[in-house]
Amino acid sequence: MPTATMARNGRVTVPVEVRRMLGLAAGVKVDFVFRGQDRVELVPRLGTAGELVGTLKAARHVTLDGMDAGIAAGAVDSAAL
């Protein structure tokens, strides 16, 4: 069973086994879900649509010919790898 020690400032480093199991990476938010009087569950936060507002650049209009050209360019770039 993975174990961690709380620092004076209240921080706890999540053990690598737990991070791998939950798919946690730097910057991922987690929720603490209370399970009775003496249990807390660490749950990765699944983003909501509202949290995404403003995170994407404004879309530009592209024609089907433009999309085909972009796909072809990407295929050439990945073939070069």
PDB file of N, CA and C in Angstrom:
ATOM      1  N   MET A   1       0.849  -1.168   0.000  1.00  0.00           N
ATOM      2  CA  MET A   1       0.000   0.000   0.000  1.00  0.00           C
ATOM      3  C   MET A   1       0.901   1.240   0.000  1.00  0.00           C
ATOM      4  N   PRO A   2       0.721   2.141  -0.987  1.00  0.00           N
ATOM      5  CA  PRO A   2       1.523   3.362  -1.037  1.00  0.00           C
ATOM      6  C   PRO A   2       1.245   4.254   0.169  1.00  0.00           C
ATOM      7  N   THR A   3       2.282   4.917   0.649  1.00  0.00           N
ATOM      8  CA  THR A   3       2.175   5.798   1.807  1.00  0.00           C
ATOM      9  C   THR A   3       2.847   7.126   1.498  1.00  0.00           C
ATOM     10  N   ALA A   4       2.332   8.203   2.082  1.00  0.00           N
ATOM     11  CA  ALA A   4       2.931   9.526   1.925  1.00  0.00           C
ATOM     12  C   ALA A   4       2.926  10.221   3.278  1.00  0.00           C
ATOM     13  N   THR A   5       3.792  11.216   3.431  1.00  0.00           N
ATOM     14  CA  THR A   5       3.871  11.988   4.673  1.00  0.00           C
ATOM     15  C   THR A   5       3.483  13.429   4.390  1.00  0.00           C
ATOM     16  N   MET A   6       2.647  13.997   5.236  1.00  0.00           N
ATOM     17  CA  MET A   6       2.228  15.375   5.067  1.00  0.00           C
ATOM     18  C   MET A   6       3.307  16.320   5.601  1.00  0.00           C
ATOM     19  N   ALA A   7       3.631  17.341   4.811  1.00  0.00           N
ATOM     20  CA  ALA A   7       4.592  18.355   5.224  1.00  0.00           C
ATOM     21  C   ALA A   7       3.907  19.362   6.151  1.00  0.00           C
ATOM     22  N   ARG A   8       4.695  20.210   6.797  1.00  0.00           N
ATOM     23  CA  ARG A   8       4.133  21.205   7.716  1.00  0.00           C
ATOM     24  C   ARG A   8       3.099  22.104   7.060  1.00  0.00           C
ATOM     25  N   ASN A   9       3.306  22.405   5.782  1.00  0.00           N
ATOM     26  CA  ASN A   9       2.378  23.306   5.099  1.00  0.00           C
ATOM     27  C   ASN A   9       1.125  22.594   4.582  1.00  0.00           C
ATOM     28  N   GLY A  10       0.983  21.308   4.876  1.00  0.00           N
ATOM     29  CA  GLY A  10      -0.202  20.550   4.489  1.00  0.00           C
ATOM     30  C   GLY A  10      -0.087  19.846   3.153  1.00  0.00           C
ATOM     31  N   ARG A  11       1.032  19.988   2.486  1.00  0.00           N
ATOM     32  CA  ARG A  11       1.200  19.334   1.188  1.00  0.00           C
ATOM     33  C   ARG A  11       1.558  17.861   1.348  1.00  0.00           C
ATOM     34  N   VAL A  12       1.008  17.066   0.420  1.00  0.00           N
ATOM     35  CA  VAL A  12       1.283  15.635   0.375  1.00  0.00           C
ATOM     36  C   VAL A  12       1.665  15.296  -1.060  1.00  0.00           C
ATOM     37  N   THR A  13       2.743  14.580  -1.239  1.00  0.00           N
ATOM     38  CA  THR A  13       3.129  14.119  -2.567  1.00  0.00           C
ATOM     39  C   THR A  13       2.413  12.803  -2.828  1.00  0.00           C
ATOM     40  N   VAL A  14       1.672  12.750  -3.929  1.00  0.00           N
ATOM     41  CA  VAL A  14       0.950  11.535  -4.280  1.00  0.00           C
ATOM     42  C   VAL A  14       1.964  10.527  -4.823  1.00  0.00           C
ATOM     43  N   PRO A  15       2.031   9.346  -4.234  1.00  0.00           N
ATOM     44  CA  PRO A  15       3.006   8.342  -4.675  1.00  0.00           C
ATOM     45  C   PRO A  15       2.850   8.004  -6.156  1.00  0.00           C
ATOM     46  N   VAL A  16       3.961   7.689  -6.797  1.00  0.00           N
ATOM     47  CA  VAL A  16       3.982   7.429  -8.234  1.00  0.00           C
ATOM     48  C   VAL A  16       3.016   6.317  -8.635  1.00  0.00           C
ATOM     49  N   GLU A  17       2.874   5.280  -7.826  1.00  0.00           N
ATOM     50  CA  GLU A  17       1.945   4.192  -8.157  1.00  0.00           C
ATOM     51  C   GLU A  17       0.509   4.707  -8.260  1.00  0.00           C
ATOM     52  N   VAL A  18       0.149   5.606  -7.355  1.00  0.00           N
ATOM     53  CA  VAL A  18      -1.205   6.168  -7.355  1.00  0.00           C
ATOM     54  C   VAL A  18      -1.387   7.089  -8.557  1.00  0.00           C
ATOM     55  N   ARG A  19      -0.372   7.916  -8.844  1.00  0.00           N
ATOM     56  CA  ARG A  19      -0.456   8.815 -10.005  1.00  0.00           C
ATOM     57  C   ARG A  19      -0.638   8.012 -11.291  1.00  0.00           C
ATOM     58  N   ARG A  20       0.103   6.936 -11.413  1.00  0.00           N
ATOM     59  CA  ARG A  20      -0.028   6.097 -12.620  1.00  0.00           C
ATOM     60  C   ARG A  20      -1.413   5.467 -12.699  1.00  0.00           C
ATOM     61  N   MET A  21      -1.877   4.923 -11.594  1.00  0.00           N
ATOM     62  CA  MET A  21      -3.166   4.251 -11.579  1.00  0.00           C
ATOM     63  C   MET A  21      -4.303   5.198 -11.951  1.00  0.00           C
ATOM     64  N   LEU A  22      -4.241   6.446 -11.471  1.00  0.00           N
ATOM     65  CA  LEU A  22      -5.304   7.414 -11.727  1.00  0.00           C
ATOM     66  C   LEU A  22      -5.057   8.254 -12.978  1.00  0.00           C
ATOM     67  N   GLY A  23      -3.886   8.090 -13.592  1.00  0.00           N
ATOM     68  CA  GLY A  23      -3.574   8.882 -14.768  1.00  0.00           C
ATOM     69  C   GLY A  23      -3.329  10.342 -14.450  1.00  0.00           C
ATOM     70  N   LEU A  24      -2.760  10.618 -13.278  1.00  0.00           N
ATOM     71  CA  LEU A  24      -2.525  11.989 -12.852  1.00  0.00           C
ATOM     72  C   LEU A  24      -1.221  12.520 -13.419  1.00  0.00           C
ATOM     73  N   ALA A  25      -1.233  13.781 -13.811  1.00  0.00           N
ATOM     74  CA  ALA A  25      -0.033  14.464 -14.289  1.00  0.00           C
ATOM     75  C   ALA A  25      -0.035  15.868 -13.690  1.00  0.00           C
ATOM     76  N   ALA A  26       1.076  16.559 -13.818  1.00  0.00           N
ATOM     77  CA  ALA A  26       1.174  17.916 -13.286  1.00  0.00           C
ATOM     78  C   ALA A  26       0.043  18.771 -13.848  1.00  0.00           C
ATOM     79  N   GLY A  27      -0.592  19.528 -12.985  1.00  0.00           N
ATOM     80  CA  GLY A  27      -1.656  20.429 -13.404  1.00  0.00           C
ATOM     81  C   GLY A  27      -3.051  19.840 -13.348  1.00  0.00           C
ATOM     82  N   VAL A  28      -3.171  18.516 -13.166  1.00  0.00           N
ATOM     83  CA  VAL A  28      -4.489  17.888 -13.086  1.00  0.00           C
ATOM     84  C   VAL A  28      -5.118  18.240 -11.744  1.00  0.00           C
ATOM     85  N   LYS A  29      -6.377  18.612 -11.773  1.00  0.00           N
ATOM     86  CA  LYS A  29      -7.091  18.904 -10.528  1.00  0.00           C
ATOM     87  C   LYS A  29      -7.720  17.624  -9.999  1.00  0.00           C
ATOM     88  N   VAL A  30      -7.782  17.528  -8.682  1.00  0.00           N
ATOM     89  CA  VAL A  30      -8.401  16.368  -8.047  1.00  0.00           C
ATOM     90  C   VAL A  30      -9.442  16.843  -7.041  1.00  0.00           C
ATOM     91  N   ASP A  31     -10.440  16.020  -6.836  1.00  0.00           N
ATOM     92  CA  ASP A  31     -11.455  16.280  -5.825  1.00  0.00           C
ATOM     93  C   ASP A  31     -11.223  15.332  -4.662  1.00  0.00           C
ATOM     94  N   PHE A  32     -11.577  15.788  -3.462  1.00  0.00           N
ATOM     95  CA  PHE A  32     -11.537  14.950  -2.273  1.00  0.00           C
ATOM     96  C   PHE A  32     -12.978  14.653  -1.904  1.00  0.00           C
ATOM     97  N   VAL A  33     -13.363  13.387  -2.016  1.00  0.00           N
ATOM     98  CA  VAL A  33     -14.740  12.978  -1.755  1.00  0.00           C
ATOM     99  C   VAL A  33     -14.790  12.300  -0.392  1.00  0.00           C
ATOM    100  N   PHE A  34     -15.603  12.841   0.502  1.00  0.00           N
ATOM    101  CA  PHE A  34     -15.724  12.287   1.861  1.00  0.00           C
ATOM    102  C   PHE A  34     -16.555  11.014   1.818  1.00  0.00           C
ATOM    103  N   ARG A  35     -16.019   9.955   2.423  1.00  0.00           N
ATOM    104  CA  ARG A  35     -16.679   8.651   2.516  1.00  0.00           C
ATOM    105  C   ARG A  35     -16.796   8.290   3.990  1.00  0.00           C
ATOM    106  N   GLY A  36     -17.818   8.782   4.621  1.00  0.00           N
ATOM    107  CA  GLY A  36     -18.012   8.531   6.047  1.00  0.00           C
ATOM    108  C   GLY A  36     -17.190   9.493   6.884  1.00  0.00           C
ATOM    109  N   GLN A  37     -17.007   9.153   8.155  1.00  0.00           N
ATOM    110  CA  GLN A  37     -16.325  10.027   9.112  1.00  0.00           C
ATOM    111  C   GLN A  37     -14.805   9.990   8.995  1.00  0.00           C
ATOM    112  N   ASP A  38     -14.251   8.887   8.495  1.00  0.00           N
ATOM    113  CA  ASP A  38     -12.793   8.755   8.535  1.00  0.00           C
ATOM    114  C   ASP A  38     -12.174   8.301   7.209  1.00  0.00           C
ATOM    115  N   ARG A  39     -12.869   8.531   6.096  1.00  0.00           N
ATOM    116  CA  ARG A  39     -12.340   8.133   4.790  1.00  0.00           C
ATOM    117  C   ARG A  39     -12.521   9.276   3.792  1.00  0.00           C
ATOM    118  N   VAL A  40     -11.499   9.456   2.970  1.00  0.00           N
ATOM    119  CA  VAL A  40     -11.554  10.445   1.897  1.00  0.00           C
ATOM    120  C   VAL A  40     -11.026   9.776   0.636  1.00  0.00           C
ATOM    121  N   GLU A  41     -11.706   9.995  -0.463  1.00  0.00           N
ATOM    122  CA  GLU A  41     -11.316   9.403  -1.736  1.00  0.00           C
ATOM    123  C   GLU A  41     -10.740  10.498  -2.636  1.00  0.00           C
ATOM    124  N   LEU A  42      -9.617  10.219  -3.274  1.00  0.00           N
ATOM    125  CA  LEU A  42      -8.978  11.145  -4.196  1.00  0.00           C
ATOM    126  C   LEU A  42      -9.466  10.801  -5.602  1.00  0.00           C
ATOM    127  N   VAL A  43     -10.131  11.753  -6.254  1.00  0.00           N
ATOM    128  CA  VAL A  43     -10.745  11.496  -7.554  1.00  0.00           C
ATOM    129  C   VAL A  43     -10.287  12.557  -8.553  1.00  0.00           C
ATOM    130  N   PRO A  44      -9.714  12.135  -9.709  1.00  0.00           N
ATOM    131  CA  PRO A  44      -9.350  13.119 -10.723  1.00  0.00           C
ATOM    132  C   PRO A  44     -10.594  13.874 -11.178  1.00  0.00           C
ATOM    133  N   ARG A  45     -10.471  15.193 -11.305  1.00  0.00           N
ATOM    134  CA  ARG A  45     -11.616  16.000 -11.710  1.00  0.00           C
ATOM    135  C   ARG A  45     -11.786  15.918 -13.215  1.00  0.00           C
ATOM    136  N   LEU A  46     -12.989  15.577 -13.605  1.00  0.00           N
ATOM    137  CA  LEU A  46     -13.326  15.565 -15.023  1.00  0.00           C
ATOM    138  C   LEU A  46     -13.837  16.955 -15.356  1.00  0.00           C
ATOM    139  N   GLY A  47     -13.201  17.598 -16.311  1.00  0.00           N
ATOM    140  CA  GLY A  47     -13.567  18.961 -16.667  1.00  0.00           C
ATOM    141  C   GLY A  47     -14.999  19.062 -17.158  1.00  0.00           C
ATOM    142  N   THR A  48     -15.599  20.217 -16.895  1.00  0.00           N
ATOM    143  CA  THR A  48     -16.941  20.481 -17.390  1.00  0.00           C
ATOM    144  C   THR A  48     -16.837  21.382 -18.606  1.00  0.00           C
ATOM    145  N   ALA A  49     -17.862  21.420 -19.391  1.00  0.00           N
ATOM    146  CA  ALA A  49     -17.869  22.274 -20.585  1.00  0.00           C
ATOM    147  C   ALA A  49     -17.666  23.729 -20.191  1.00  0.00           C
ATOM    148  N   GLY A  50     -18.232  24.138 -19.060  1.00  0.00           N
ATOM    149  CA  GLY A  50     -18.093  25.522 -18.604  1.00  0.00           C
ATOM    150  C   GLY A  50     -16.653  25.909 -18.314  1.00  0.00           C
ATOM    151  N   GLU A  51     -15.845  24.955 -17.872  1.00  0.00           N
ATOM    152  CA  GLU A  51     -14.444  25.239 -17.575  1.00  0.00           C
ATOM    153  C   GLU A  51     -13.617  25.442 -18.839  1.00  0.00           C
ATOM    154  N   LEU A  52     -14.127  24.985 -19.979  1.00  0.00           N
ATOM    155  CA  LEU A  52     -13.401  25.105 -21.234  1.00  0.00           C
ATOM    156  C   LEU A  52     -13.612  26.445 -21.930  1.00  0.00           C
ATOM    157  N   VAL A  53     -14.617  27.183 -21.493  1.00  0.00           N
ATOM    158  CA  VAL A  53     -14.927  28.455 -22.143  1.00  0.00           C
ATOM    159  C   VAL A  53     -13.710  29.369 -22.100  1.00  0.00           C
ATOM    160  N   GLY A  54     -13.329  29.869 -23.249  1.00  0.00           N
ATOM    161  CA  GLY A  54     -12.214  30.798 -23.351  1.00  0.00           C
ATOM    162  C   GLY A  54     -10.846  30.154 -23.448  1.00  0.00           C
ATOM    163  N   THR A  55     -10.770  28.822 -23.424  1.00  0.00           N
ATOM    164  CA  THR A  55      -9.465  28.175 -23.469  1.00  0.00           C
ATOM    165  C   THR A  55      -8.995  27.908 -24.894  1.00  0.00           C
ATOM    166  N   LEU A  56      -9.907  27.948 -25.839  1.00  0.00           N
ATOM    167  CA  LEU A  56      -9.548  27.694 -27.227  1.00  0.00           C
ATOM    168  C   LEU A  56      -9.494  28.993 -28.008  1.00  0.00           C
ATOM    169  N   LYS A  57      -8.608  29.031 -28.984  1.00  0.00           N
ATOM    170  CA  LYS A  57      -8.539  30.185 -29.865  1.00  0.00           C
ATOM    171  C   LYS A  57      -9.790  30.214 -30.731  1.00  0.00           C
ATOM    172  N   ALA A  58     -10.124  31.391 -31.203  1.00  0.00           N
ATOM    173  CA  ALA A  58     -11.282  31.526 -32.080  1.00  0.00           C
ATOM    174  C   ALA A  58     -11.049  30.701 -33.344  1.00  0.00           C
ATOM    175  N   ALA A  59     -12.082  30.001 -33.752  1.00  0.00           N
ATOM    176  CA  ALA A  59     -11.973  29.162 -34.942  1.00  0.00           C
ATOM    177  C   ALA A  59     -11.938  30.028 -36.196  1.00  0.00           C
ATOM    178  N   ARG A  60     -11.173  29.580 -37.161  1.00  0.00           N
ATOM    179  CA  ARG A  60     -11.193  30.279 -38.444  1.00  0.00           C
ATOM    180  C   ARG A  60     -11.896  29.369 -39.446  1.00  0.00           C
ATOM    181  N   HIS A  61     -12.520  29.970 -40.412  1.00  0.00           N
ATOM    182  CA  HIS A  61     -13.258  29.198 -41.402  1.00  0.00           C
ATOM    183  C   HIS A  61     -12.288  28.619 -42.426  1.00  0.00           C
ATOM    184  N   VAL A  62     -12.449  27.346 -42.696  1.00  0.00           N
ATOM    185  CA  VAL A  62     -11.582  26.656 -43.644  1.00  0.00           C
ATOM    186  C   VAL A  62     -12.472  25.923 -44.633  1.00  0.00           C
ATOM    187  N   THR A  63     -12.113  25.988 -45.891  1.00  0.00           N
ATOM    188  CA  THR A  63     -12.864  25.272 -46.919  1.00  0.00           C
ATOM    189  C   THR A  63     -12.478  23.796 -46.899  1.00  0.00           C
ATOM    190  N   LEU A  64     -13.256  22.984 -47.590  1.00  0.00           N
ATOM    191  CA  LEU A  64     -12.916  21.561 -47.701  1.00  0.00           C
ATOM    192  C   LEU A  64     -11.581  21.381 -48.410  1.00  0.00           C
ATOM    193  N   ASP A  65     -11.311  22.209 -49.424  1.00  0.00           N
ATOM    194  CA  ASP A  65     -10.012  22.131 -50.106  1.00  0.00           C
ATOM    195  C   ASP A  65      -8.877  22.461 -49.133  1.00  0.00           C
ATOM    196  N   GLY A  66      -9.100  23.440 -48.255  1.00  0.00           N
ATOM    197  CA  GLY A  66      -8.094  23.800 -47.258  1.00  0.00           C
ATOM    198  C   GLY A  66      -7.853  22.667 -46.269  1.00  0.00           C
ATOM    199  N   MET A  67      -8.942  21.984 -45.878  1.00  0.00           N
ATOM    200  CA  MET A  67      -8.805  20.840 -44.971  1.00  0.00           C
ATOM    201  C   MET A  67      -8.009  19.721 -45.638  1.00  0.00           C
ATOM    202  N   ASP A  68      -8.342  19.443 -46.905  1.00  0.00           N
ATOM    203  CA  ASP A  68      -7.616  18.396 -47.640  1.00  0.00           C
ATOM    204  C   ASP A  68      -6.132  18.734 -47.730  1.00  0.00           C
ATOM    205  N   ALA A  69      -5.814  20.001 -47.984  1.00  0.00           N
ATOM    206  CA  ALA A  69      -4.415  20.421 -48.076  1.00  0.00           C
ATOM    207  C   ALA A  69      -3.713  20.239 -46.732  1.00  0.00           C
ATOM    208  N   GLY A  70      -4.391  20.589 -45.654  1.00  0.00           N
ATOM    209  CA  GLY A  70      -3.804  20.417 -44.314  1.00  0.00           C
ATOM    210  C   GLY A  70      -3.560  18.964 -43.973  1.00  0.00           C
ATOM    211  N   ILE A  71      -4.510  18.110 -44.326  1.00  0.00           N
ATOM    212  CA  ILE A  71      -4.360  16.669 -44.077  1.00  0.00           C
ATOM    213  C   ILE A  71      -3.184  16.126 -44.881  1.00  0.00           C
ATOM    214  N   ALA A  72      -3.097  16.534 -46.152  1.00  0.00           N
ATOM    215  CA  ALA A  72      -1.989  16.076 -46.991  1.00  0.00           C
ATOM    216  C   ALA A  72      -0.637  16.537 -46.429  1.00  0.00           C
ATOM    217  N   ALA A  73      -0.572  17.778 -45.977  1.00  0.00           N
ATOM    218  CA  ALA A  73       0.679  18.297 -45.392  1.00  0.00           C
ATOM    219  C   ALA A  73       1.035  17.526 -44.128  1.00  0.00           C
ATOM    220  N   GLY A  74       0.052  17.201 -43.314  1.00  0.00           N
ATOM    221  CA  GLY A  74       0.314  16.434 -42.104  1.00  0.00           C
ATOM    222  C   GLY A  74       0.808  15.039 -42.418  1.00  0.00           C
ATOM    223  N   ALA A  75       0.250  14.442 -43.477  1.00  0.00           N
ATOM    224  CA  ALA A  75       0.676  13.088 -43.877  1.00  0.00           C
ATOM    225  C   ALA A  75       2.126  13.115 -44.344  1.00  0.00           C
ATOM    226  N   VAL A  76       2.499  14.158 -45.055  1.00  0.00           N
ATOM    227  CA  VAL A  76       3.886  14.275 -45.522  1.00  0.00           C
ATOM    228  C   VAL A  76       4.820  14.457 -44.323  1.00  0.00           C
ATOM    229  N   ASP A  77       4.411  15.319 -43.360  1.00  0.00           N
ATOM    230  CA  ASP A  77       5.241  15.550 -42.166  1.00  0.00           C
ATOM    231  C   ASP A  77       5.414  14.263 -41.372  1.00  0.00           C
ATOM    232  N   SER A  78       4.347  13.493 -41.179  1.00  0.00           N
ATOM    233  CA  SER A  78       4.464  12.278 -40.358  1.00  0.00           C
ATOM    234  C   SER A  78       5.224  11.180 -41.102  1.00  0.00           C
ATOM    235  N   ALA A  79       5.182  11.184 -42.425  1.00  0.00           N
ATOM    236  CA  ALA A  79       5.950  10.195 -43.200  1.00  0.00           C
ATOM    237  C   ALA A  79       7.436  10.471 -43.098  1.00  0.00           C
ATOM    238  N   ALA A  80       7.803  11.737 -42.873  1.00  0.00           N
ATOM    239  CA  ALA A  80       9.217  12.117 -42.758  1.00  0.00           C
ATOM    240  C   ALA A  80       9.818  11.649 -41.446  1.00  0.00           C
ATOM    241  N   LEU A  81       8.968  11.323 -40.449  1.00  0.00           N
ATOM    242  CA  LEU A  81       9.486  10.883 -39.154  1.00  0.00           C
ATOM    243  C   LEU A  81      10.009   9.508 -39.314  1.00  0.00           C
TER     244      LEU A  81
END
